Structures are given as C-alpha cells and as structure tokens.
C-alpha cells in the first residue's frame, strides 16, 4: 500500500519540507524524523513502516512464538507427553527454538524483500543492497527478542508471564531510547536499548549499521539460548 502511494507522496516533497520546519526539534529527535522524506522510497519506508510498525509486529511474533514453545505446552499439560518421547530435553528445546527462528526469518525476509519487486512494478527507483542490510539487523533484533522470551518460557509454566515480562522489557527499552534522545544527561541510557542498535534509518537509507549492534544482538541471543537450555534441562516440570 505504501509503495503504491509513494509516487503521489513524492510529488509533495516541498510541502513536506515546509511542514517539517514546524515540528518541534524534540519530537524529531525522539521519533528519528530527521531523514523522513518523500524524495526517496527508502526514506519514506523507514519512517512509515520499519521504524515503529514493523518492529512492533516482529516483537509480537517473537514473543508469541517464545511463550507458546515451552511455557504454553506446560500450561496446556502436554509437556509430559513430549518429554515421555525418546528424545532428550536438549533436542526438544533445540527443535522448538529452531522452529521459532525459522518463523522470524520468514517474516523478516518476506516483509522486507517484498519491497523490491513491488517497487519495480511501480517503476520506483530502489537501492536493493540497502534492504539486505535492514534484513540482517532486523533479523538479529527479532532473534534476540525471541531468545529472551524463549529463555523465560523455559523458566515459567505460564506463557502469560513470558508475554508480560518480554513485552514489558521491550516497552522499557523503547522508552529508554526516547528519553535518551530527548535529554542529553540521559544519553548514555540508549546503550541499554535494543532500539538504539536497530536503526532502519542507518540500514535502509545509509546502508550501514554500527558494528556494536551485531555484537549486542548476537551476544544476547547466545546467552539467552544457553541460559534457557540449562534451566530447561535442570528444572522439575509438573503440570
């Protein structure tokens, strides 16, 4: 829908530039609107979709998949049947984890790379390699959220707790990132937020990502994965 509408919006670049001058600087910083433009499709999509709407959908998918993977089975009382099969807890944990990873991968690939053929369909100039950069950092972002939720799913027997804690953590991180962008004295708080390292503006418009973002997401994913595996292997599960 946004790609189909883009040619109409791009003809209003001057009007948008004038309107931008009336927006308070604090709001521009908080919502990263400085690169919002109708001149290029990448600028337009990064602000309209990939800044807030897309990561929100990705978080919902990651948290839902993580919560239902183990805690959901315990809550439904079906975990005992799964554990009675001739597979180890580690294999069960790994199989459920891989299923969630594949779901996240499919979501990221489809919802980002679909822009390429659609743009060509409407004869819109597009920078293909920028979407690969966005897909990579977006996948790592979703994977880290899923891994945290999956570890919590191995701890709790109620998926509601997994949803609440993981979602609450993401809301806290988003709020922290906004506060850090508004108040200079709190600027260091941004380093504790996933939303600082996931930057569709840098990835989609500038085709670059801070290398520390790759490290943070990868480290969180690995730590959460093995922490959850250890807890799931050791805990006494009763339904």
C-alpha atoms as a PDB file:
ATOM      1  CA  UNK A   1       0.000   0.000   0.000  1.00  0.00           C
ATOM      2  CA  UNK A   2       2.747   2.461   0.929  1.00  0.00           C
ATOM      3  CA  UNK A   3       4.772   1.644  -2.168  1.00  0.00           C
ATOM      4  CA  UNK A   4       1.721   2.136  -4.395  1.00  0.00           C
ATOM      5  CA  UNK A   5       1.072   5.511  -2.768  1.00  0.00           C
ATOM      6  CA  UNK A   6       4.677   6.667  -2.850  1.00  0.00           C
ATOM      7  CA  UNK A   7       4.620   8.278  -6.338  1.00  0.00           C
ATOM      8  CA  UNK A   8       1.781  10.523  -5.192  1.00  0.00           C
ATOM      9  CA  UNK A   9       3.587  11.460  -1.981  1.00  0.00           C
ATOM     10  CA  UNK A  10       6.896  12.094  -3.756  1.00  0.00           C
ATOM     11  CA  UNK A  11       5.296  14.919  -5.714  1.00  0.00           C
ATOM     12  CA  UNK A  12       4.663  16.732  -2.409  1.00  0.00           C
ATOM     13  CA  UNK A  13       8.267  16.883  -1.231  1.00  0.00           C
ATOM     14  CA  UNK A  14       8.347  20.669  -0.954  1.00  0.00           C
ATOM     15  CA  UNK A  15       5.153  20.811   1.118  1.00  0.00           C
ATOM     16  CA  UNK A  16       6.515  18.167   3.467  1.00  0.00           C
ATOM     17  CA  UNK A  17       9.804  20.017   3.893  1.00  0.00           C
ATOM     18  CA  UNK A  18       7.868  23.125   4.889  1.00  0.00           C
ATOM     19  CA  UNK A  19       5.783  21.171   7.384  1.00  0.00           C
ATOM     20  CA  UNK A  20       8.914  19.622   8.916  1.00  0.00           C
ATOM     21  CA  UNK A  21      10.087  23.085   9.880  1.00  0.00           C
ATOM     22  CA  UNK A  22       7.046  23.448  12.157  1.00  0.00           C
ATOM     23  CA  UNK A  23       7.664  20.192  14.069  1.00  0.00           C
ATOM     24  CA  UNK A  24       9.444  20.653  17.441  1.00  0.00           C
ATOM     25  CA  UNK A  25      13.058  19.533  17.395  1.00  0.00           C
ATOM     26  CA  UNK A  26      12.469  17.277  20.403  1.00  0.00           C
ATOM     27  CA  UNK A  27       9.821  15.298  18.530  1.00  0.00           C
ATOM     28  CA  UNK A  28      12.076  14.966  15.515  1.00  0.00           C
ATOM     29  CA  UNK A  29      14.836  13.519  17.709  1.00  0.00           C
ATOM     30  CA  UNK A  30      12.519  11.274  19.701  1.00  0.00           C
ATOM     31  CA  UNK A  31      10.978   9.642  16.627  1.00  0.00           C
ATOM     32  CA  UNK A  32      14.023   9.982  14.375  1.00  0.00           C
ATOM     33  CA  UNK A  33      12.183  12.010  11.739  1.00  0.00           C
ATOM     34  CA  UNK A  34      15.218  13.913  10.560  1.00  0.00           C
ATOM     35  CA  UNK A  35      15.579  11.700   7.469  1.00  0.00           C
ATOM     36  CA  UNK A  36      11.866  11.430   6.754  1.00  0.00           C
ATOM     37  CA  UNK A  37      11.420  12.463   3.149  1.00  0.00           C
ATOM     38  CA  UNK A  38       9.226  11.871   0.121  1.00  0.00           C
ATOM     39  CA  UNK A  39      12.215  12.175  -2.187  1.00  0.00           C
ATOM     40  CA  UNK A  40      13.357   8.531  -1.906  1.00  0.00           C
ATOM     41  CA  UNK A  41      11.455   5.342  -1.226  1.00  0.00           C
ATOM     42  CA  UNK A  42      13.969   4.215   1.416  1.00  0.00           C
ATOM     43  CA  UNK A  43      13.454   7.379   3.485  1.00  0.00           C
ATOM     44  CA  UNK A  44       9.707   7.023   3.196  1.00  0.00           C
ATOM     45  CA  UNK A  45       9.517   3.337   4.155  1.00  0.00           C
ATOM     46  CA  UNK A  46      11.991   3.618   7.013  1.00  0.00           C
ATOM     47  CA  UNK A  47       9.766   6.171   8.762  1.00  0.00           C
ATOM     48  CA  UNK A  48       6.347   4.869   7.759  1.00  0.00           C
ATOM     49  CA  UNK A  49       6.870   1.141   8.318  1.00  0.00           C
ATOM     50  CA  UNK A  50      10.240  -0.014   9.568  1.00  0.00           C
ATOM     51  CA  UNK A  51      10.665   2.499  12.391  1.00  0.00           C
ATOM     52  CA  UNK A  52       7.712   1.526  14.626  1.00  0.00           C
ATOM     53  CA  UNK A  53       5.073  -0.646  12.931  1.00  0.00           C
ATOM     54  CA  UNK A  54       7.416  -3.337  11.618  1.00  0.00           C
ATOM     55  CA  UNK A  55       9.447  -3.908  14.820  1.00  0.00           C
ATOM     56  CA  UNK A  56       6.193  -3.988  16.784  1.00  0.00           C
ATOM     57  CA  UNK A  57       4.852  -6.791  14.588  1.00  0.00           C
ATOM     58  CA  UNK A  58       8.182  -8.599  14.827  1.00  0.00           C
ATOM     59  CA  UNK A  59       8.148  -8.366  18.618  1.00  0.00           C
ATOM     60  CA  UNK A  60       4.584  -9.707  18.748  1.00  0.00           C
ATOM     61  CA  UNK A  61       5.613 -12.671  16.570  1.00  0.00           C
ATOM     62  CA  UNK A  62       8.774 -13.353  18.586  1.00  0.00           C
ATOM     63  CA  UNK A  63       7.061 -13.138  21.978  1.00  0.00           C
ATOM     64  CA  UNK A  64       4.107 -15.264  20.857  1.00  0.00           C
ATOM     65  CA  UNK A  65       6.357 -17.964  19.420  1.00  0.00           C
ATOM     66  CA  UNK A  66       8.568 -17.998  22.509  1.00  0.00           C
ATOM     67  CA  UNK A  67       5.709 -18.094  25.003  1.00  0.00           C
ATOM     68  CA  UNK A  68       3.882 -20.975  23.322  1.00  0.00           C
ATOM     69  CA  UNK A  69       7.006 -23.052  22.676  1.00  0.00           C
ATOM     70  CA  UNK A  70       7.581 -24.392  26.205  1.00  0.00           C
ATOM     71  CA  UNK A  71       5.531 -22.468  28.762  1.00  0.00           C
ATOM     72  CA  UNK A  72       2.492 -22.904  26.524  1.00  0.00           C
ATOM     73  CA  UNK A  73       2.980 -26.680  26.468  1.00  0.00           C
ATOM     74  CA  UNK A  74       3.327 -26.742  30.260  1.00  0.00           C
ATOM     75  CA  UNK A  75       0.230 -24.601  30.654  1.00  0.00           C
ATOM     76  CA  UNK A  76      -1.803 -26.910  28.395  1.00  0.00           C
ATOM     77  CA  UNK A  77      -0.483 -30.013  30.168  1.00  0.00           C
ATOM     78  CA  UNK A  78       1.029 -31.524  27.013  1.00  0.00           C
ATOM     79  CA  UNK A  79       4.685 -31.194  28.019  1.00  0.00           C
ATOM     80  CA  UNK A  80       4.679 -34.545  29.851  1.00  0.00           C
ATOM     81  CA  UNK A  81       3.711 -36.356  26.643  1.00  0.00           C
ATOM     82  CA  UNK A  82       6.536 -34.625  24.757  1.00  0.00           C
ATOM     83  CA  UNK A  83       9.069 -35.450  27.458  1.00  0.00           C
ATOM     84  CA  UNK A  84       7.969 -39.073  27.505  1.00  0.00           C
ATOM     85  CA  UNK A  85       9.141 -39.493  23.914  1.00  0.00           C
ATOM     86  CA  UNK A  86      12.572 -40.928  23.127  1.00  0.00           C
ATOM     87  CA  UNK A  87      14.223 -37.536  22.725  1.00  0.00           C
ATOM     88  CA  UNK A  88      16.280 -35.571  25.203  1.00  0.00           C
ATOM     89  CA  UNK A  89      15.192 -32.278  26.682  1.00  0.00           C
ATOM     90  CA  UNK A  90      18.029 -30.605  24.808  1.00  0.00           C
ATOM     91  CA  UNK A  91      16.701 -31.877  21.455  1.00  0.00           C
ATOM     92  CA  UNK A  92      13.166 -30.808  22.334  1.00  0.00           C
ATOM     93  CA  UNK A  93      14.420 -27.376  23.356  1.00  0.00           C
ATOM     94  CA  UNK A  94      16.516 -27.029  20.204  1.00  0.00           C
ATOM     95  CA  UNK A  95      13.731 -28.167  17.864  1.00  0.00           C
ATOM     96  CA  UNK A  96      11.280 -25.650  19.319  1.00  0.00           C
ATOM     97  CA  UNK A  97      13.922 -22.932  19.171  1.00  0.00           C
ATOM     98  CA  UNK A  98      14.730 -23.620  15.523  1.00  0.00           C
ATOM     99  CA  UNK A  99      11.023 -23.520  14.641  1.00  0.00           C
ATOM    100  CA  UNK A 100      10.786 -20.029  16.143  1.00  0.00           C
ATOM    101  CA  UNK A 101      13.947 -18.881  14.367  1.00  0.00           C
ATOM    102  CA  UNK A 102      12.574 -20.057  11.023  1.00  0.00           C
ATOM    103  CA  UNK A 103       9.320 -18.188  11.639  1.00  0.00           C
ATOM    104  CA  UNK A 104      11.226 -14.984  12.371  1.00  0.00           C
ATOM    105  CA  UNK A 105      13.461 -15.491   9.335  1.00  0.00           C
ATOM    106  CA  UNK A 106      10.439 -15.973   7.070  1.00  0.00           C
ATOM    107  CA  UNK A 107       8.714 -12.887   8.461  1.00  0.00           C
ATOM    108  CA  UNK A 108      11.801 -10.704   8.017  1.00  0.00           C
ATOM    109  CA  UNK A 109      12.587 -11.960   4.516  1.00  0.00           C
ATOM    110  CA  UNK A 110       9.043 -11.609   3.207  1.00  0.00           C
ATOM    111  CA  UNK A 111       8.205  -8.240   4.760  1.00  0.00           C
ATOM    112  CA  UNK A 112      11.464  -6.583   3.692  1.00  0.00           C
ATOM    113  CA  UNK A 113      12.430  -8.091   0.349  1.00  0.00           C
ATOM    114  CA  UNK A 114       8.873  -7.883  -0.987  1.00  0.00           C
ATOM    115  CA  UNK A 115       9.540  -4.167  -1.387  1.00  0.00           C
ATOM    116  CA  UNK A 116      11.989  -4.837  -4.232  1.00  0.00           C
ATOM    117  CA  UNK A 117       9.620  -6.422  -6.802  1.00  0.00           C
ATOM    118  CA  UNK A 118       6.801  -4.110  -5.744  1.00  0.00           C
ATOM    119  CA  UNK A 119       8.951  -1.033  -6.319  1.00  0.00           C
ATOM    120  CA  UNK A 120       9.934  -2.289  -9.756  1.00  0.00           C
ATOM    121  CA  UNK A 121       6.284  -2.975 -10.502  1.00  0.00           C
ATOM    122  CA  UNK A 122       5.513   0.723  -9.918  1.00  0.00           C
ATOM    123  CA  UNK A 123       8.716   1.892 -11.670  1.00  0.00           C
ATOM    124  CA  UNK A 124      10.196   3.319  -8.467  1.00  0.00           C
ATOM    125  CA  UNK A 125      13.957   3.614  -8.099  1.00  0.00           C
ATOM    126  CA  UNK A 126      15.223   1.346  -5.330  1.00  0.00           C
ATOM    127  CA  UNK A 127      18.587   0.523  -3.729  1.00  0.00           C
ATOM    128  CA  UNK A 128      18.455  -3.257  -3.389  1.00  0.00           C
ATOM    129  CA  UNK A 129      21.524  -3.793  -1.199  1.00  0.00           C
ATOM    130  CA  UNK A 130      20.119  -1.468   1.494  1.00  0.00           C
ATOM    131  CA  UNK A 131      17.239  -3.878   2.076  1.00  0.00           C
ATOM    132  CA  UNK A 132      19.680  -6.725   2.713  1.00  0.00           C
ATOM    133  CA  UNK A 133      21.352  -4.623   5.415  1.00  0.00           C
ATOM    134  CA  UNK A 134      17.990  -3.873   7.008  1.00  0.00           C
ATOM    135  CA  UNK A 135      17.001  -7.550   6.840  1.00  0.00           C
ATOM    136  CA  UNK A 136      20.186  -8.622   8.615  1.00  0.00           C
ATOM    137  CA  UNK A 137      19.943  -6.199  11.534  1.00  0.00           C
ATOM    138  CA  UNK A 138      16.176  -6.723  11.705  1.00  0.00           C
ATOM    139  CA  UNK A 139      16.600 -10.490  11.906  1.00  0.00           C
ATOM    140  CA  UNK A 140      19.189 -10.190  14.674  1.00  0.00           C
ATOM    141  CA  UNK A 141      16.885  -7.805  16.539  1.00  0.00           C
ATOM    142  CA  UNK A 142      13.959 -10.244  16.303  1.00  0.00           C
ATOM    143  CA  UNK A 143      16.184 -13.186  17.186  1.00  0.00           C
ATOM    144  CA  UNK A 144      17.411 -11.525  20.371  1.00  0.00           C
ATOM    145  CA  UNK A 145      13.849 -10.719  21.471  1.00  0.00           C
ATOM    146  CA  UNK A 146      12.785 -14.293  20.711  1.00  0.00           C
ATOM    147  CA  UNK A 147      15.770 -15.739  22.591  1.00  0.00           C
ATOM    148  CA  UNK A 148      14.973 -13.727  25.708  1.00  0.00           C
ATOM    149  CA  UNK A 149      11.342 -14.809  25.539  1.00  0.00           C
ATOM    150  CA  UNK A 150      12.369 -18.414  24.909  1.00  0.00           C
ATOM    151  CA  UNK A 151      14.612 -18.444  27.977  1.00  0.00           C
ATOM    152  CA  UNK A 152      11.715 -17.079  30.041  1.00  0.00           C
ATOM    153  CA  UNK A 153       9.480 -19.756  28.529  1.00  0.00           C
ATOM    154  CA  UNK A 154      11.890 -22.349  29.920  1.00  0.00           C
ATOM    155  CA  UNK A 155      11.658 -20.746  33.366  1.00  0.00           C
ATOM    156  CA  UNK A 156       7.922 -20.169  33.759  1.00  0.00           C
ATOM    157  CA  UNK A 157       4.957 -22.503  33.444  1.00  0.00           C
ATOM    158  CA  UNK A 158       2.604 -19.708  32.402  1.00  0.00           C
ATOM    159  CA  UNK A 159       3.000 -18.172  28.957  1.00  0.00           C
ATOM    160  CA  UNK A 160       1.231 -15.050  30.190  1.00  0.00           C
ATOM    161  CA  UNK A 161       4.279 -14.297  32.344  1.00  0.00           C
ATOM    162  CA  UNK A 162       6.521 -14.735  29.306  1.00  0.00           C
ATOM    163  CA  UNK A 163       4.392 -12.306  27.297  1.00  0.00           C
ATOM    164  CA  UNK A 164       4.237  -9.789  30.128  1.00  0.00           C
ATOM    165  CA  UNK A 165       7.922  -9.763  31.047  1.00  0.00           C
ATOM    166  CA  UNK A 166       9.301  -9.793  27.491  1.00  0.00           C
ATOM    167  CA  UNK A 167       6.841  -7.170  26.243  1.00  0.00           C
ATOM    168  CA  UNK A 168       7.437  -5.043  29.330  1.00  0.00           C
ATOM    169  CA  UNK A 169      11.173  -5.212  28.739  1.00  0.00           C
ATOM    170  CA  UNK A 170      10.722  -4.059  25.131  1.00  0.00           C
ATOM    171  CA  UNK A 171       8.482  -1.161  26.216  1.00  0.00           C
ATOM    172  CA  UNK A 172      11.080  -0.163  28.793  1.00  0.00           C
ATOM    173  CA  UNK A 173      13.822  -0.261  26.187  1.00  0.00           C
ATOM    174  CA  UNK A 174      11.814   1.819  23.735  1.00  0.00           C
ATOM    175  CA  UNK A 175      11.010   4.396  26.416  1.00  0.00           C
ATOM    176  CA  UNK A 176      14.649   4.497  27.478  1.00  0.00           C
ATOM    177  CA  UNK A 177      15.751   5.156  23.911  1.00  0.00           C
ATOM    178  CA  UNK A 178      13.245   8.022  23.543  1.00  0.00           C
ATOM    179  CA  UNK A 179      14.325   9.603  26.841  1.00  0.00           C
ATOM    180  CA  UNK A 180      17.993   9.293  25.854  1.00  0.00           C
ATOM    181  CA  UNK A 181      17.314  11.141  22.609  1.00  0.00           C
ATOM    182  CA  UNK A 182      15.424  13.935  24.368  1.00  0.00           C
ATOM    183  CA  UNK A 183      17.676  14.560  27.375  1.00  0.00           C
ATOM    184  CA  UNK A 184      21.413  14.933  26.902  1.00  0.00           C
ATOM    185  CA  UNK A 185      22.137  13.992  30.522  1.00  0.00           C
ATOM    186  CA  UNK A 186      20.446  10.622  29.952  1.00  0.00           C
ATOM    187  CA  UNK A 187      22.046   9.993  26.564  1.00  0.00           C
ATOM    188  CA  UNK A 188      24.079   7.002  27.794  1.00  0.00           C
ATOM    189  CA  UNK A 189      20.858   5.120  28.519  1.00  0.00           C
ATOM    190  CA  UNK A 190      20.488   4.475  24.790  1.00  0.00           C
ATOM    191  CA  UNK A 191      23.151   1.785  25.000  1.00  0.00           C
ATOM    192  CA  UNK A 192      20.764  -0.330  27.107  1.00  0.00           C
ATOM    193  CA  UNK A 193      18.050  -0.288  24.443  1.00  0.00           C
ATOM    194  CA  UNK A 194      17.669  -2.663  21.503  1.00  0.00           C
ATOM    195  CA  UNK A 195      16.024   0.180  19.604  1.00  0.00           C
ATOM    196  CA  UNK A 196      19.267   2.116  19.554  1.00  0.00           C
ATOM    197  CA  UNK A 197      21.077  -0.710  17.773  1.00  0.00           C
ATOM    198  CA  UNK A 198      18.148  -1.437  15.458  1.00  0.00           C
ATOM    199  CA  UNK A 199      18.200   1.642  13.220  1.00  0.00           C
ATOM    200  CA  UNK A 200      16.202   1.371   9.986  1.00  0.00           C
ATOM    201  CA  UNK A 201      17.374   4.887   9.144  1.00  0.00           C
ATOM    202  CA  UNK A 202      21.027   3.857   9.069  1.00  0.00           C
ATOM    203  CA  UNK A 203      20.369   0.484   7.439  1.00  0.00           C
ATOM    204  CA  UNK A 204      17.839   1.427   4.780  1.00  0.00           C
ATOM    205  CA  UNK A 205      18.952   4.970   3.947  1.00  0.00           C
ATOM    206  CA  UNK A 206      22.713   4.893   4.563  1.00  0.00           C
ATOM    207  CA  UNK A 207      23.289   1.133   4.113  1.00  0.00           C
ATOM    208  CA  UNK A 208      25.314   0.895   7.296  1.00  0.00           C
ATOM    209  CA  UNK A 209      24.880  -0.401  10.835  1.00  0.00           C
ATOM    210  CA  UNK A 210      27.026   0.196  13.893  1.00  0.00           C
ATOM    211  CA  UNK A 211      29.101  -2.978  14.312  1.00  0.00           C
ATOM    212  CA  UNK A 212      28.397  -2.994  18.038  1.00  0.00           C
ATOM    213  CA  UNK A 213      24.753  -3.683  17.191  1.00  0.00           C
ATOM    214  CA  UNK A 214      25.692  -7.008  15.605  1.00  0.00           C
ATOM    215  CA  UNK A 215      27.723  -7.883  18.695  1.00  0.00           C
ATOM    216  CA  UNK A 216      24.994  -6.913  21.184  1.00  0.00           C
ATOM    217  CA  UNK A 217      22.228  -8.846  19.427  1.00  0.00           C
ATOM    218  CA  UNK A 218      24.440 -11.899  18.868  1.00  0.00           C
ATOM    219  CA  UNK A 219      25.691 -11.908  22.472  1.00  0.00           C
ATOM    220  CA  UNK A 220      22.174 -11.573  23.918  1.00  0.00           C
ATOM    221  CA  UNK A 221      20.934 -14.367  21.649  1.00  0.00           C
ATOM    222  CA  UNK A 222      23.711 -16.767  22.643  1.00  0.00           C
ATOM    223  CA  UNK A 223      23.487 -16.024  26.364  1.00  0.00           C
ATOM    224  CA  UNK A 224      19.701 -16.321  26.455  1.00  0.00           C
ATOM    225  CA  UNK A 225      19.732 -19.530  24.412  1.00  0.00           C
ATOM    226  CA  UNK A 226      22.179 -21.364  26.678  1.00  0.00           C
ATOM    227  CA  UNK A 227      20.647 -19.969  29.864  1.00  0.00           C
ATOM    228  CA  UNK A 228      17.247 -21.273  28.795  1.00  0.00           C
ATOM    229  CA  UNK A 229      18.708 -24.626  27.758  1.00  0.00           C
ATOM    230  CA  UNK A 230      20.413 -25.082  31.122  1.00  0.00           C
ATOM    231  CA  UNK A 231      17.287 -24.166  33.093  1.00  0.00           C
ATOM    232  CA  UNK A 232      15.007 -26.362  30.975  1.00  0.00           C
ATOM    233  CA  UNK A 233      17.379 -29.328  31.335  1.00  0.00           C
ATOM    234  CA  UNK A 234      17.519 -28.996  35.122  1.00  0.00           C
ATOM    235  CA  UNK A 235      14.046 -27.849  36.188  1.00  0.00           C
ATOM    236  CA  UNK A 236      11.380 -30.108  37.624  1.00  0.00           C
ATOM    237  CA  UNK A 237       8.355 -29.748  35.365  1.00  0.00           C
ATOM    238  CA  UNK A 238       4.963 -30.543  36.828  1.00  0.00           C
ATOM    239  CA  UNK A 239       1.640 -29.922  35.112  1.00  0.00           C
END
